[in-house]
């Protein structure tokens, strides 16, 4: 009696092929954009996804300054940081951060959705964020990625 069991092949880091994608963040919400970008960075959209291998693609995000939050969320979101000196806590609102450094908002959201390991640090390096519509990765011939609604 023959068995027709299929063997799942685990991907090796030598077998990884990476693509480049451009995502336009204009008038997109932060959460929906960052979940799709995190999926692309991890490689979960590929049929040969392997959790312990960095199989993800490079992602270029343009128009980061035109990102938005849904409803009253823009007034409610605050970014906290502390220098570990007593009394040196800094709290900034979304509106202040988006004016000063618009790429930070998206990077902070995507970084929170990736693994908190060496592999996650390796994945976040493949994310390139630009405030305006121009980027300098034309030589990589990136494909436009349309986000699902």
Protein backbone atom coordinates (compact mmCIF):
# COMPACT_ATOMS: atom_id res chain seq x y z
CA UNK A 1 0.00 0.00 0.00
CA UNK A 2 1.50 3.33 -1.10
CA UNK A 3 1.22 6.51 0.85
CA UNK A 4 0.98 9.81 -0.93
CA UNK A 5 2.23 11.93 1.95
CA UNK A 6 3.76 15.19 0.86
CA UNK A 7 6.91 16.36 2.53
CA UNK A 8 7.08 20.02 3.49
CA UNK A 9 10.42 21.45 2.57
CA UNK A 10 11.87 24.03 4.93
CA UNK A 11 13.42 27.06 3.24
CA UNK A 12 17.11 27.83 3.75
CA UNK A 13 18.53 31.34 3.85
CA UNK A 14 20.59 30.54 0.73
CA UNK A 15 17.40 29.83 -1.27
CA UNK A 16 15.67 33.15 -0.51
CA UNK A 17 14.79 35.44 -3.42
CA UNK A 18 13.72 38.98 -2.56
CA UNK A 19 11.57 41.45 -4.47
CA UNK A 20 11.15 45.20 -4.04
CA UNK A 21 7.72 46.76 -3.54
CA UNK A 22 6.57 50.40 -3.46
CA UNK A 23 3.60 51.24 -1.25
CA UNK A 24 1.89 54.63 -1.41
CA UNK A 25 0.79 55.71 2.09
CA UNK A 26 -1.27 58.72 0.98
CA UNK A 27 -4.69 58.71 2.71
CA UNK A 28 -4.15 55.24 4.20
CA UNK A 29 -4.71 54.46 7.87
CA UNK A 30 -1.65 53.61 9.93
CA UNK A 31 -2.84 50.25 11.25
CA UNK A 32 -4.06 48.78 7.97
CA UNK A 33 -0.95 49.93 6.13
CA UNK A 34 1.47 48.64 8.76
CA UNK A 35 -0.11 45.17 8.97
CA UNK A 36 0.26 44.65 5.22
CA UNK A 37 3.82 45.98 5.27
CA UNK A 38 4.70 43.66 8.18
CA UNK A 39 3.36 40.70 6.18
CA UNK A 40 5.56 41.66 3.21
CA UNK A 41 8.64 42.13 5.41
CA UNK A 42 8.18 38.73 7.08
CA UNK A 43 7.45 36.90 3.82
CA UNK A 44 4.08 35.53 4.94
CA UNK A 45 2.60 36.30 1.52
CA UNK A 46 4.86 33.69 -0.09
CA UNK A 47 3.92 30.01 -0.37
CA UNK A 48 7.32 28.94 1.00
CA UNK A 49 7.10 30.95 4.26
CA UNK A 50 9.38 29.59 6.94
CA UNK A 51 9.16 31.19 10.42
CA UNK A 52 12.86 30.87 11.30
CA UNK A 53 14.19 32.31 7.99
CA UNK A 54 14.04 35.93 6.86
CA UNK A 55 12.14 35.32 3.61
CA UNK A 56 10.58 38.78 3.31
CA UNK A 57 10.83 41.39 0.60
CA UNK A 58 12.07 44.96 0.61
CA UNK A 59 9.33 47.57 1.04
CA UNK A 60 9.56 51.26 0.07
CA UNK A 61 6.87 53.50 1.56
CA UNK A 62 6.32 56.89 -0.07
CA UNK A 63 4.12 59.83 1.02
CA UNK A 64 4.52 59.01 4.72
CA UNK A 65 3.54 62.57 5.65
CA UNK A 66 0.03 62.00 4.24
CA UNK A 67 -0.79 59.05 6.52
CA UNK A 68 -3.85 59.39 8.75
CA UNK A 69 -5.66 57.85 11.70
CA UNK A 70 -9.35 56.94 11.76
CA UNK A 71 -11.76 59.14 13.76
CA UNK A 72 -10.47 60.80 16.96
CA UNK A 73 -7.40 58.60 17.06
CA UNK A 74 -5.15 61.44 15.81
CA UNK A 75 -5.85 63.42 19.01
CA UNK A 76 -5.55 60.36 21.29
CA UNK A 77 -2.26 58.82 20.13
CA UNK A 78 0.82 59.83 22.11
CA UNK A 79 4.41 58.66 21.69
CA UNK A 80 6.37 58.15 24.91
CA UNK A 81 10.12 58.01 25.39
CA UNK A 82 12.36 58.24 28.42
CA UNK A 83 16.11 58.84 28.69
CA UNK A 84 16.28 56.97 32.03
CA UNK A 85 17.21 60.17 33.86
CA UNK A 86 14.75 61.14 36.61
CA UNK A 87 12.03 63.46 35.38
CA UNK A 88 13.05 63.22 31.72
CA UNK A 89 9.96 61.59 30.26
CA UNK A 90 8.92 63.01 26.89
CA UNK A 91 5.40 62.64 25.51
CA UNK A 92 4.59 63.83 22.00
CA UNK A 93 1.27 63.89 20.19
CA UNK A 94 0.72 62.39 16.74
CA UNK A 95 0.43 65.83 15.13
CA UNK A 96 3.82 66.94 16.49
CA UNK A 97 5.56 63.73 15.42
CA UNK A 98 4.07 63.68 11.91
CA UNK A 99 5.36 67.23 11.31
CA UNK A 100 8.83 66.62 12.75
CA UNK A 101 9.59 63.14 11.42
CA UNK A 102 6.74 61.48 9.48
CA UNK A 103 8.66 58.25 8.85
CA UNK A 104 8.78 57.48 12.58
CA UNK A 105 5.01 56.93 12.85
CA UNK A 106 4.98 54.14 10.27
CA UNK A 107 8.27 52.62 11.42
CA UNK A 108 7.05 52.51 15.03
CA UNK A 109 3.81 50.76 14.02
CA UNK A 110 5.51 48.20 11.74
CA UNK A 111 8.28 47.46 14.23
CA UNK A 112 5.66 46.58 16.83
CA UNK A 113 4.21 43.94 14.50
CA UNK A 114 7.49 42.14 13.80
CA UNK A 115 9.16 39.54 16.03
CA UNK A 116 11.15 40.96 18.95
CA UNK A 117 14.25 38.91 18.08
CA UNK A 118 17.39 39.16 15.97
CA UNK A 119 15.25 38.10 13.03
CA UNK A 120 12.87 41.03 13.61
CA UNK A 121 15.78 43.48 13.67
CA UNK A 122 16.97 42.01 10.38
CA UNK A 123 13.48 42.40 8.86
CA UNK A 124 12.99 46.05 9.83
CA UNK A 125 16.19 46.97 7.95
CA UNK A 126 14.39 46.09 4.70
CA UNK A 127 11.86 48.88 5.27
CA UNK A 128 12.60 52.21 3.53
CA UNK A 129 10.30 55.14 4.34
CA UNK A 130 10.17 58.51 2.56
CA UNK A 131 8.06 61.53 3.52
CA UNK A 132 7.45 62.67 -0.06
CA UNK A 133 6.63 60.94 -3.36
CA UNK A 134 10.30 60.53 -4.42
CA UNK A 135 12.62 57.66 -3.49
CA UNK A 136 16.12 56.72 -4.60
CA UNK A 137 15.64 52.99 -5.26
CA UNK A 138 14.86 53.15 -8.99
CA UNK A 139 17.77 50.82 -9.80
CA UNK A 140 16.06 47.96 -7.91
CA UNK A 141 13.02 48.20 -10.23
CA UNK A 142 10.38 48.03 -7.49
CA UNK A 143 6.85 46.88 -8.27
CA UNK A 144 3.84 48.90 -7.11
CA UNK A 145 1.97 47.05 -4.37
CA UNK A 146 -1.73 47.83 -4.03
CA UNK A 147 -3.05 47.39 -0.53
CA UNK A 148 -6.25 45.33 -0.20
CA UNK A 149 -9.24 47.29 1.11
